[in-house]
Amino acid sequence: MRNLMITAIALLLLTNVVVLAGIAYNRSGEPLASVLLTERELSLPVYYAHNFDEDSSTSLHLEWSLLDSDDDPEFLYTRYVTPGWLNHAKLIELGIDLEKLKKDDNSYTYTYNDAAHTADVILVLEYNGETYQTALTQTEHKVVQLQKKISNKQDKGDYSDDLDRYKNQLDQLKTTHSRLYVIDAGLNQNILAQKYADKNKYLLARGEIGVDWQDKKIVGHIRHLYISDIHVPLPYSRRITDLTQDKKNNSNSIPVSPRYAVQLNIGQRMEPWIEAVKILKEGK
C-alpha cells in the first residue's frame, strides 16, 4: 500500500511538471498573436455564479462568425454556412479526398466521422477587419434596398417584416455581435503566421473542418474551434463578474454594450492565455 501511494504521488508530481513545462513553453518568446477583444468576442456564459471565493475562476466563450458566400443570404453572420474561401481547392489542400467521396456519395452519411471526411487544421480568425466590414456593408445595402421597395408605390409587396429583420441584424452587427471572423485555414503554422503577420489583428487556432452533401454537391464546414472556452484566472475573473453580475451578457432582450476588453495572447502551442482585462466605458 505504501509503495502504491508513493507511486501515485510521484505520478501526480510528474504530471504537474509536464503541465507546467507545457504552459511555460507556450508562453515563451513573443506570442503568435496578441489581440484586444471585447465582450462582443469573449462573452460570459448565459449562466454563471456570482459569488466567487479565493479559489474561484470562470471562463469566457470565444464568439466567431463566417461570412456566407451566398450573394443574397438571409442571415449575414453565422457559423453554419460555407464561406467562399472554403472551396474544393481549399478542401483538397487541407487533405480531404474529394474524389473518394464523389465515388461513395450513397454511403457518405453513414461514415460521417471517417477520417476521409474531416481534417484537423489551423484556422485564421480576423478581428475587426475587411470581412466584418463586408458583413456591415452587405447588411446596410439590404436595408436600403428594402426601404426603396417600400417607398416604391408601384411595388405592392410587403417588405416590412424583412426590413425589420435586417435592421435588427444591422444593429447587432454594429453594437453586440462578434467582429471575429474565420477567413482561412491551413496545415502549416509558419506559413500562416507569415501570411497573416499582424499579430494584433489575426488569431491562429486549431480546429476541425468537415464536409457534407448539399444538393448533390460536396461542401465544407467548420465543425470545431478547439479553444472555444478560455479560462479566466483571478483576479481577472473577479473584475469581470463584479462588473457584469446585474446583466449577464448579450443574451438579454436589450443589447448590452461591451463592458470589458481582454488582451488575449496565443502562444507557441497555439494555446490562449489572458494577459490583461480592461473595463470599458459605455459604447466602446
C-alpha atoms as a PDB file:
ATOM      1  CA  MET A   1       0.000   0.000   0.000  1.00  0.00           C
ATOM      2  CA  ARG A   2       2.850   2.371   0.902  1.00  0.00           C
ATOM      3  CA  ASN A   3       4.599   1.700  -2.408  1.00  0.00           C
ATOM      4  CA  LEU A   4       1.335   2.286  -4.254  1.00  0.00           C
ATOM      5  CA  MET A   5       0.877   5.635  -2.511  1.00  0.00           C
ATOM      6  CA  ILE A   6       4.438   6.690  -3.324  1.00  0.00           C
ATOM      7  CA  THR A   7       3.906   5.745  -6.954  1.00  0.00           C
ATOM      8  CA  ALA A   8       0.666   7.730  -7.109  1.00  0.00           C
ATOM      9  CA  ILE A   9       2.322  10.815  -5.585  1.00  0.00           C
ATOM     10  CA  ALA A  10       5.264  10.532  -7.972  1.00  0.00           C
ATOM     11  CA  LEU A  11       2.909  10.221 -10.933  1.00  0.00           C
ATOM     12  CA  LEU A  12       0.966  13.287  -9.771  1.00  0.00           C
ATOM     13  CA  LEU A  13       4.158  15.311  -9.387  1.00  0.00           C
ATOM     14  CA  LEU A  14       5.388  14.214 -12.808  1.00  0.00           C
ATOM     15  CA  THR A  15       2.063  15.163 -14.371  1.00  0.00           C
ATOM     16  CA  ASN A  16       2.232  18.614 -12.775  1.00  0.00           C
ATOM     17  CA  VAL A  17       5.777  19.096 -14.032  1.00  0.00           C
ATOM     18  CA  VAL A  18       4.752  18.170 -17.573  1.00  0.00           C
ATOM     19  CA  VAL A  19       1.743  20.507 -17.456  1.00  0.00           C
ATOM     20  CA  LEU A  20       3.771  23.421 -16.083  1.00  0.00           C
ATOM     21  CA  ALA A  21       6.513  22.822 -18.636  1.00  0.00           C
ATOM     22  CA  GLY A  22       3.910  22.923 -21.408  1.00  0.00           C
ATOM     23  CA  ILE A  23       2.488  26.187 -20.083  1.00  0.00           C
ATOM     24  CA  ALA A  24       5.978  27.686 -19.800  1.00  0.00           C
ATOM     25  CA  TYR A  25       6.828  26.708 -23.378  1.00  0.00           C
ATOM     26  CA  ASN A  26       3.523  28.025 -24.711  1.00  0.00           C
ATOM     27  CA  ARG A  27       4.189  31.416 -23.112  1.00  0.00           C
ATOM     28  CA  SER A  28       7.865  31.590 -24.003  1.00  0.00           C
ATOM     29  CA  GLY A  29       9.123  34.119 -26.512  1.00  0.00           C
ATOM     30  CA  GLU A  30       6.851  36.512 -28.378  1.00  0.00           C
ATOM     31  CA  PRO A  31       3.191  35.440 -28.668  1.00  0.00           C
ATOM     32  CA  LEU A  32       1.945  34.330 -32.076  1.00  0.00           C
ATOM     33  CA  ALA A  33      -0.900  36.792 -31.563  1.00  0.00           C
ATOM     34  CA  SER A  34      -1.963  39.386 -29.008  1.00  0.00           C
ATOM     35  CA  VAL A  35      -5.390  40.811 -29.774  1.00  0.00           C
ATOM     36  CA  LEU A  36      -7.530  43.096 -27.629  1.00  0.00           C
ATOM     37  CA  LEU A  37     -11.026  41.577 -27.815  1.00  0.00           C
ATOM     38  CA  THR A  38     -14.172  42.870 -26.157  1.00  0.00           C
ATOM     39  CA  GLU A  39     -17.225  41.279 -24.581  1.00  0.00           C
ATOM     40  CA  ARG A  40     -18.580  41.008 -28.109  1.00  0.00           C
ATOM     41  CA  GLU A  41     -15.915  38.417 -28.908  1.00  0.00           C
ATOM     42  CA  LEU A  42     -15.353  36.930 -25.441  1.00  0.00           C
ATOM     43  CA  SER A  43     -18.691  36.545 -23.708  1.00  0.00           C
ATOM     44  CA  LEU A  44     -19.669  35.148 -20.364  1.00  0.00           C
ATOM     45  CA  PRO A  45     -21.807  32.006 -20.495  1.00  0.00           C
ATOM     46  CA  VAL A  46     -25.544  32.515 -20.085  1.00  0.00           C
ATOM     47  CA  TYR A  47     -25.365  31.009 -16.600  1.00  0.00           C
ATOM     48  CA  TYR A  48     -22.527  31.623 -14.208  1.00  0.00           C
ATOM     49  CA  ALA A  49     -22.061  32.006 -10.488  1.00  0.00           C
ATOM     50  CA  HIS A  50     -21.966  35.481  -8.984  1.00  0.00           C
ATOM     51  CA  ASN A  51     -20.245  34.533  -5.728  1.00  0.00           C
ATOM     52  CA  PHE A  52     -16.555  33.811  -6.221  1.00  0.00           C
ATOM     53  CA  ASP A  53     -14.273  32.812  -3.397  1.00  0.00           C
ATOM     54  CA  GLU A  54     -10.476  32.838  -3.296  1.00  0.00           C
ATOM     55  CA  ASP A  55     -10.191  29.679  -5.424  1.00  0.00           C
ATOM     56  CA  SER A  56     -12.835  30.501  -7.980  1.00  0.00           C
ATOM     57  CA  SER A  57     -12.449  31.367 -11.637  1.00  0.00           C
ATOM     58  CA  THR A  58     -14.615  31.425 -14.711  1.00  0.00           C
ATOM     59  CA  SER A  59     -14.341  31.109 -18.460  1.00  0.00           C
ATOM     60  CA  LEU A  60     -15.234  33.217 -21.466  1.00  0.00           C
ATOM     61  CA  HIS A  61     -16.703  31.859 -24.681  1.00  0.00           C
ATOM     62  CA  LEU A  62     -14.997  32.812 -27.931  1.00  0.00           C
ATOM     63  CA  GLU A  63     -17.655  34.153 -30.312  1.00  0.00           C
ATOM     64  CA  TRP A  64     -16.874  33.980 -34.033  1.00  0.00           C
ATOM     65  CA  SER A  65     -18.664  34.000 -37.378  1.00  0.00           C
ATOM     66  CA  LEU A  66     -18.365  33.104 -41.038  1.00  0.00           C
ATOM     67  CA  LEU A  67     -19.363  35.268 -43.972  1.00  0.00           C
ATOM     68  CA  ASP A  68     -21.837  33.445 -46.201  1.00  0.00           C
ATOM     69  CA  SER A  69     -20.712  33.045 -49.806  1.00  0.00           C
ATOM     70  CA  ASP A  70     -24.326  33.430 -50.984  1.00  0.00           C
ATOM     71  CA  ASP A  71     -24.842  36.693 -52.903  1.00  0.00           C
ATOM     72  CA  ASP A  72     -28.141  37.298 -51.111  1.00  0.00           C
ATOM     73  CA  PRO A  73     -28.107  35.384 -47.814  1.00  0.00           C
ATOM     74  CA  GLU A  74     -30.961  35.617 -45.371  1.00  0.00           C
ATOM     75  CA  PHE A  75     -28.544  35.756 -42.438  1.00  0.00           C
ATOM     76  CA  LEU A  76     -25.232  37.500 -42.934  1.00  0.00           C
ATOM     77  CA  TYR A  77     -23.426  36.128 -39.920  1.00  0.00           C
ATOM     78  CA  THR A  78     -23.436  32.530 -38.803  1.00  0.00           C
ATOM     79  CA  ARG A  79     -21.138  29.598 -38.100  1.00  0.00           C
ATOM     80  CA  TYR A  80     -23.163  27.134 -40.119  1.00  0.00           C
ATOM     81  CA  VAL A  81     -22.536  28.255 -43.692  1.00  0.00           C
ATOM     82  CA  THR A  82     -19.804  27.539 -46.204  1.00  0.00           C
ATOM     83  CA  PRO A  83     -17.602  30.635 -46.676  1.00  0.00           C
ATOM     84  CA  GLY A  84     -16.326  31.415 -50.144  1.00  0.00           C
ATOM     85  CA  TRP A  85     -12.710  30.599 -49.277  1.00  0.00           C
ATOM     86  CA  LEU A  86     -13.589  27.014 -48.216  1.00  0.00           C
ATOM     87  CA  ASN A  87     -13.945  25.800 -51.796  1.00  0.00           C
ATOM     88  CA  HIS A  88     -12.954  22.459 -53.331  1.00  0.00           C
ATOM     89  CA  ALA A  89      -9.370  23.579 -53.939  1.00  0.00           C
ATOM     90  CA  LYS A  90      -9.018  24.500 -50.263  1.00  0.00           C
ATOM     91  CA  LEU A  91     -10.600  21.237 -49.110  1.00  0.00           C
ATOM     92  CA  ILE A  92      -8.099  19.264 -51.191  1.00  0.00           C
ATOM     93  CA  GLU A  93      -5.259  21.398 -49.822  1.00  0.00           C
ATOM     94  CA  LEU A  94      -6.450  20.553 -46.306  1.00  0.00           C
ATOM     95  CA  GLY A  95      -6.358  16.823 -47.008  1.00  0.00           C
ATOM     96  CA  ILE A  96      -9.967  15.959 -47.887  1.00  0.00           C
ATOM     97  CA  ASP A  97     -10.124  13.260 -50.570  1.00  0.00           C
ATOM     98  CA  LEU A  98     -12.934  14.641 -52.708  1.00  0.00           C
ATOM     99  CA  GLU A  99     -12.531  12.060 -55.467  1.00  0.00           C
ATOM    100  CA  LYS A 100     -13.117   9.251 -52.983  1.00  0.00           C
ATOM    101  CA  LEU A 101     -16.196  10.991 -51.622  1.00  0.00           C
ATOM    102  CA  LYS A 102     -17.644  11.609 -55.081  1.00  0.00           C
ATOM    103  CA  LYS A 103     -17.441   7.873 -55.790  1.00  0.00           C
ATOM    104  CA  ASP A 104     -19.042   6.996 -52.460  1.00  0.00           C
ATOM    105  CA  ASP A 105     -21.840   9.533 -52.076  1.00  0.00           C
ATOM    106  CA  ASN A 106     -24.533   6.965 -51.224  1.00  0.00           C
ATOM    107  CA  SER A 107     -22.731   5.743 -48.127  1.00  0.00           C
ATOM    108  CA  TYR A 108     -21.312   9.108 -47.089  1.00  0.00           C
ATOM    109  CA  THR A 109     -23.915   9.853 -44.446  1.00  0.00           C
ATOM    110  CA  TYR A 110     -23.086   6.593 -42.670  1.00  0.00           C
ATOM    111  CA  THR A 111     -19.370   7.373 -42.440  1.00  0.00           C
ATOM    112  CA  TYR A 112     -19.622  10.959 -41.273  1.00  0.00           C
ATOM    113  CA  ASN A 113     -16.811  10.641 -38.741  1.00  0.00           C
ATOM    114  CA  ASP A 114     -14.467   8.822 -41.102  1.00  0.00           C
ATOM    115  CA  ALA A 115     -11.028  10.442 -41.400  1.00  0.00           C
ATOM    116  CA  ALA A 116     -11.642  10.996 -45.114  1.00  0.00           C
ATOM    117  CA  HIS A 117     -14.426  13.464 -44.235  1.00  0.00           C
ATOM    118  CA  THR A 118     -12.682  15.585 -41.598  1.00  0.00           C
ATOM    119  CA  ALA A 119      -9.327  17.287 -41.153  1.00  0.00           C
ATOM    120  CA  ASP A 120      -7.545  18.895 -38.226  1.00  0.00           C
ATOM    121  CA  VAL A 121      -6.405  22.312 -39.404  1.00  0.00           C
ATOM    122  CA  ILE A 122      -5.151  25.689 -38.257  1.00  0.00           C
ATOM    123  CA  LEU A 123      -7.858  28.317 -38.586  1.00  0.00           C
ATOM    124  CA  VAL A 124      -7.201  32.014 -39.135  1.00  0.00           C
ATOM    125  CA  LEU A 125      -9.518  34.440 -37.353  1.00  0.00           C
ATOM    126  CA  GLU A 126      -9.576  38.100 -38.377  1.00  0.00           C
ATOM    127  CA  TYR A 127     -10.630  40.723 -35.847  1.00  0.00           C
ATOM    128  CA  ASN A 128     -12.489  43.853 -36.940  1.00  0.00           C
ATOM    129  CA  GLY A 129     -11.152  43.612 -40.480  1.00  0.00           C
ATOM    130  CA  GLU A 130     -12.321  43.503 -44.072  1.00  0.00           C
ATOM    131  CA  THR A 131     -14.676  40.559 -43.567  1.00  0.00           C
ATOM    132  CA  TYR A 132     -16.534  42.288 -40.752  1.00  0.00           C
ATOM    133  CA  GLN A 133     -16.766  45.460 -42.855  1.00  0.00           C
ATOM    134  CA  THR A 134     -18.167  43.391 -45.739  1.00  0.00           C
ATOM    135  CA  ALA A 135     -20.862  41.992 -43.441  1.00  0.00           C
ATOM    136  CA  LEU A 136     -21.768  45.548 -42.412  1.00  0.00           C
ATOM    137  CA  THR A 137     -21.848  46.800 -45.991  1.00  0.00           C
ATOM    138  CA  GLN A 138     -23.984  43.904 -47.213  1.00  0.00           C
ATOM    139  CA  THR A 139     -26.494  44.363 -44.421  1.00  0.00           C
ATOM    140  CA  GLU A 140     -26.673  48.132 -44.924  1.00  0.00           C
ATOM    141  CA  HIS A 141     -27.217  47.563 -48.645  1.00  0.00           C
ATOM    142  CA  LYS A 142     -30.044  45.129 -47.901  1.00  0.00           C
ATOM    143  CA  VAL A 143     -31.740  47.680 -45.624  1.00  0.00           C
ATOM    144  CA  VAL A 144     -31.504  50.388 -48.305  1.00  0.00           C
ATOM    145  CA  GLN A 145     -32.906  48.031 -50.962  1.00  0.00           C
ATOM    146  CA  LEU A 146     -35.900  47.139 -48.822  1.00  0.00           C
ATOM    147  CA  GLN A 147     -36.544  50.776 -47.927  1.00  0.00           C
ATOM    148  CA  LYS A 148     -36.600  51.647 -51.643  1.00  0.00           C
ATOM    149  CA  LYS A 149     -39.042  48.833 -52.346  1.00  0.00           C
ATOM    150  CA  ILE A 150     -41.358  50.039 -49.595  1.00  0.00           C
ATOM    151  CA  SER A 151     -41.226  53.630 -50.859  1.00  0.00           C
ATOM    152  CA  ASN A 152     -41.962  52.499 -54.420  1.00  0.00           C
ATOM    153  CA  LYS A 153     -45.739  52.820 -54.691  1.00  0.00           C
ATOM    154  CA  GLN A 154     -45.804  50.608 -57.777  1.00  0.00           C
ATOM    155  CA  ASP A 155     -44.318  47.727 -55.838  1.00  0.00           C
ATOM    156  CA  LYS A 156     -47.194  46.074 -53.961  1.00  0.00           C
ATOM    157  CA  GLY A 157     -45.027  43.646 -51.980  1.00  0.00           C
ATOM    158  CA  ASP A 158     -44.983  43.626 -48.189  1.00  0.00           C
ATOM    159  CA  TYR A 159     -41.365  44.004 -47.087  1.00  0.00           C
ATOM    160  CA  SER A 160     -41.898  45.391 -43.599  1.00  0.00           C
ATOM    161  CA  ASP A 161     -41.007  42.176 -41.769  1.00  0.00           C
ATOM    162  CA  ASP A 162     -37.865  41.688 -43.867  1.00  0.00           C
ATOM    163  CA  LEU A 163     -36.851  45.286 -43.265  1.00  0.00           C
ATOM    164  CA  ASP A 164     -37.293  44.954 -39.506  1.00  0.00           C
ATOM    165  CA  ARG A 165     -35.221  41.768 -39.507  1.00  0.00           C
ATOM    166  CA  TYR A 166     -32.338  43.289 -41.442  1.00  0.00           C
ATOM    167  CA  LYS A 167     -32.432  46.476 -39.369  1.00  0.00           C
ATOM    168  CA  ASN A 168     -32.168  44.321 -36.251  1.00  0.00           C
ATOM    169  CA  GLN A 169     -29.245  42.403 -37.763  1.00  0.00           C
ATOM    170  CA  LEU A 170     -27.517  45.664 -38.639  1.00  0.00           C
ATOM    171  CA  ASP A 171     -27.966  46.983 -35.093  1.00  0.00           C
ATOM    172  CA  GLN A 172     -26.470  43.786 -33.698  1.00  0.00           C
ATOM    173  CA  LEU A 173     -23.554  43.897 -36.131  1.00  0.00           C
ATOM    174  CA  LYS A 174     -22.776  47.457 -35.036  1.00  0.00           C
ATOM    175  CA  THR A 175     -23.181  47.031 -31.291  1.00  0.00           C
ATOM    176  CA  THR A 176     -23.104  43.497 -29.898  1.00  0.00           C
ATOM    177  CA  HIS A 177     -22.186  40.868 -32.473  1.00  0.00           C
ATOM    178  CA  SER A 178     -18.658  39.466 -32.662  1.00  0.00           C
ATOM    179  CA  ARG A 179     -16.256  41.122 -35.090  1.00  0.00           C
ATOM    180  CA  LEU A 180     -14.133  37.970 -35.202  1.00  0.00           C
ATOM    181  CA  TYR A 181     -14.435  36.038 -38.491  1.00  0.00           C
ATOM    182  CA  VAL A 182     -12.729  32.861 -39.661  1.00  0.00           C
ATOM    183  CA  ILE A 183     -11.173  33.795 -43.005  1.00  0.00           C
ATOM    184  CA  ASP A 184      -8.739  30.994 -43.885  1.00  0.00           C
ATOM    185  CA  ALA A 185      -7.342  27.611 -42.872  1.00  0.00           C
ATOM    186  CA  GLY A 186      -4.123  25.716 -43.457  1.00  0.00           C
ATOM    187  CA  LEU A 187      -1.854  22.986 -42.194  1.00  0.00           C
ATOM    188  CA  ASN A 188       1.442  24.836 -41.744  1.00  0.00           C
ATOM    189  CA  GLN A 189       1.665  27.202 -38.785  1.00  0.00           C
ATOM    190  CA  ASN A 190       4.751  29.034 -40.061  1.00  0.00           C
ATOM    191  CA  ILE A 191       3.254  29.732 -43.487  1.00  0.00           C
ATOM    192  CA  LEU A 192       0.044  31.084 -41.966  1.00  0.00           C
ATOM    193  CA  ALA A 193       1.964  33.176 -39.421  1.00  0.00           C
ATOM    194  CA  GLN A 194       3.945  34.793 -42.249  1.00  0.00           C
ATOM    195  CA  LYS A 195       0.873  35.384 -44.405  1.00  0.00           C
ATOM    196  CA  TYR A 196      -1.112  36.900 -41.519  1.00  0.00           C
ATOM    197  CA  ALA A 197       1.705  38.731 -39.796  1.00  0.00           C
ATOM    198  CA  ASP A 198      -0.337  41.418 -37.997  1.00  0.00           C
ATOM    199  CA  LYS A 199      -0.401  39.928 -34.504  1.00  0.00           C
ATOM    200  CA  ASN A 200      -2.926  42.476 -33.280  1.00  0.00           C
ATOM    201  CA  LYS A 201      -5.439  41.556 -35.977  1.00  0.00           C
ATOM    202  CA  TYR A 202      -5.182  37.807 -36.614  1.00  0.00           C
ATOM    203  CA  LEU A 203      -5.510  34.792 -34.341  1.00  0.00           C
ATOM    204  CA  LEU A 204      -4.335  31.285 -35.209  1.00  0.00           C
ATOM    205  CA  ALA A 205      -6.317  28.479 -33.597  1.00  0.00           C
ATOM    206  CA  ARG A 206      -6.557  24.740 -34.066  1.00  0.00           C
ATOM    207  CA  GLY A 207      -9.848  23.421 -35.348  1.00  0.00           C
ATOM    208  CA  GLU A 208     -11.591  20.818 -37.453  1.00  0.00           C
ATOM    209  CA  ILE A 209     -13.234  21.104 -40.835  1.00  0.00           C
ATOM    210  CA  GLY A 210     -15.647  18.585 -42.305  1.00  0.00           C
ATOM    211  CA  VAL A 211     -17.672  18.017 -45.446  1.00  0.00           C
ATOM    212  CA  ASP A 212     -21.319  17.356 -46.181  1.00  0.00           C
ATOM    213  CA  TRP A 213     -23.618  16.848 -49.165  1.00  0.00           C
ATOM    214  CA  GLN A 214     -25.928  19.685 -50.209  1.00  0.00           C
ATOM    215  CA  ASP A 215     -27.961  19.411 -53.426  1.00  0.00           C
ATOM    216  CA  LYS A 216     -25.681  16.568 -54.549  1.00  0.00           C
ATOM    217  CA  LYS A 217     -22.604  18.756 -54.044  1.00  0.00           C
ATOM    218  CA  ILE A 218     -19.821  18.369 -51.503  1.00  0.00           C
ATOM    219  CA  VAL A 219     -19.493  21.444 -49.286  1.00  0.00           C
ATOM    220  CA  GLY A 220     -17.110  22.228 -46.453  1.00  0.00           C
ATOM    221  CA  HIS A 221     -17.938  23.352 -42.933  1.00  0.00           C
ATOM    222  CA  ILE A 222     -16.016  24.356 -39.842  1.00  0.00           C
ATOM    223  CA  ARG A 223     -17.010  21.770 -37.284  1.00  0.00           C
ATOM    224  CA  HIS A 224     -14.993  22.832 -34.247  1.00  0.00           C
ATOM    225  CA  LEU A 225     -12.753  25.536 -32.917  1.00  0.00           C
ATOM    226  CA  TYR A 226     -10.742  23.876 -30.173  1.00  0.00           C
ATOM    227  CA  ILE A 227     -10.246  26.967 -27.998  1.00  0.00           C
ATOM    228  CA  SER A 228     -13.930  27.817 -27.697  1.00  0.00           C
ATOM    229  CA  ASP A 229     -13.797  28.411 -23.914  1.00  0.00           C
ATOM    230  CA  ILE A 230     -10.955  30.365 -22.354  1.00  0.00           C
ATOM    231  CA  HIS A 231     -10.079  30.158 -18.679  1.00  0.00           C
ATOM    232  CA  VAL A 232     -10.036  33.472 -16.798  1.00  0.00           C
ATOM    233  CA  PRO A 233      -7.857  33.324 -13.676  1.00  0.00           C
ATOM    234  CA  LEU A 234      -8.154  35.507 -10.627  1.00  0.00           C
ATOM    235  CA  PRO A 235      -8.069  38.451 -10.223  1.00  0.00           C
ATOM    236  CA  TYR A 236      -9.381  38.986 -13.762  1.00  0.00           C
ATOM    237  CA  SER A 237     -12.428  36.768 -13.253  1.00  0.00           C
ATOM    238  CA  ARG A 238     -13.396  38.796 -10.186  1.00  0.00           C
ATOM    239  CA  ARG A 239     -13.239  42.050 -12.156  1.00  0.00           C
ATOM    240  CA  ILE A 240     -15.427  40.703 -14.936  1.00  0.00           C
ATOM    241  CA  THR A 241     -18.074  39.076 -12.763  1.00  0.00           C
ATOM    242  CA  ASP A 242     -18.309  42.071 -10.437  1.00  0.00           C
ATOM    243  CA  LEU A 243     -18.865  44.260 -13.462  1.00  0.00           C
ATOM    244  CA  THR A 244     -21.497  42.048 -15.109  1.00  0.00           C
ATOM    245  CA  GLN A 245     -23.379  40.488 -12.202  1.00  0.00           C
ATOM    246  CA  ASP A 246     -26.545  42.526 -12.802  1.00  0.00           C
ATOM    247  CA  LYS A 247     -26.680  41.802 -16.531  1.00  0.00           C
ATOM    248  CA  LYS A 248     -25.078  38.613 -17.739  1.00  0.00           C
ATOM    249  CA  ASN A 249     -24.312  39.345 -21.391  1.00  0.00           C
ATOM    250  CA  ASN A 250     -25.960  39.911 -24.745  1.00  0.00           C
ATOM    251  CA  SER A 251     -28.480  37.148 -24.134  1.00  0.00           C
ATOM    252  CA  ASN A 252     -30.602  39.891 -22.551  1.00  0.00           C
ATOM    253  CA  SER A 253     -33.549  41.154 -24.571  1.00  0.00           C
ATOM    254  CA  ILE A 254     -31.966  44.621 -24.501  1.00  0.00           C
ATOM    255  CA  PRO A 255     -28.459  44.532 -26.025  1.00  0.00           C
ATOM    256  CA  VAL A 256     -25.639  45.407 -23.663  1.00  0.00           C
ATOM    257  CA  SER A 257     -22.681  47.396 -24.980  1.00  0.00           C
ATOM    258  CA  PRO A 258     -19.294  45.790 -24.263  1.00  0.00           C
ATOM    259  CA  ARG A 259     -18.232  46.416 -20.689  1.00  0.00           C
ATOM    260  CA  TYR A 260     -14.780  44.864 -20.723  1.00  0.00           C
ATOM    261  CA  ALA A 261     -11.894  44.120 -23.076  1.00  0.00           C
ATOM    262  CA  VAL A 262      -9.462  41.232 -22.802  1.00  0.00           C
ATOM    263  CA  GLN A 263      -5.888  41.090 -24.053  1.00  0.00           C
ATOM    264  CA  LEU A 264      -5.799  37.570 -25.455  1.00  0.00           C
ATOM    265  CA  ASN A 265      -2.462  36.000 -26.323  1.00  0.00           C
ATOM    266  CA  ILE A 266      -1.848  32.896 -28.434  1.00  0.00           C
ATOM    267  CA  GLY A 267       1.333  31.039 -27.508  1.00  0.00           C
ATOM    268  CA  GLN A 268       3.824  28.745 -29.207  1.00  0.00           C
ATOM    269  CA  ARG A 269       1.482  25.745 -28.858  1.00  0.00           C
ATOM    270  CA  MET A 270      -1.422  27.847 -30.159  1.00  0.00           C
ATOM    271  CA  GLU A 271      -2.980  27.797 -26.712  1.00  0.00           C
ATOM    272  CA  PRO A 272      -4.554  31.019 -25.368  1.00  0.00           C
ATOM    273  CA  TRP A 273      -3.998  32.892 -22.158  1.00  0.00           C
ATOM    274  CA  ILE A 274      -5.317  36.169 -20.819  1.00  0.00           C
ATOM    275  CA  GLU A 275      -2.728  38.858 -20.193  1.00  0.00           C
ATOM    276  CA  ALA A 276      -4.971  41.702 -19.035  1.00  0.00           C
ATOM    277  CA  VAL A 277      -8.570  42.830 -18.579  1.00  0.00           C
ATOM    278  CA  LYS A 278      -9.726  46.403 -19.109  1.00  0.00           C
ATOM    279  CA  ILE A 279     -13.002  47.979 -18.025  1.00  0.00           C
ATOM    280  CA  LEU A 280     -14.628  49.846 -20.907  1.00  0.00           C
ATOM    281  CA  LYS A 281     -16.662  52.987 -20.892  1.00  0.00           C
ATOM    282  CA  GLU A 282     -20.152  52.585 -22.302  1.00  0.00           C
ATOM    283  CA  GLY A 283     -20.343  52.410 -26.083  1.00  0.00           C
ATOM    284  CA  LYS A 284     -16.764  51.306 -26.762  1.00  0.00           C
END
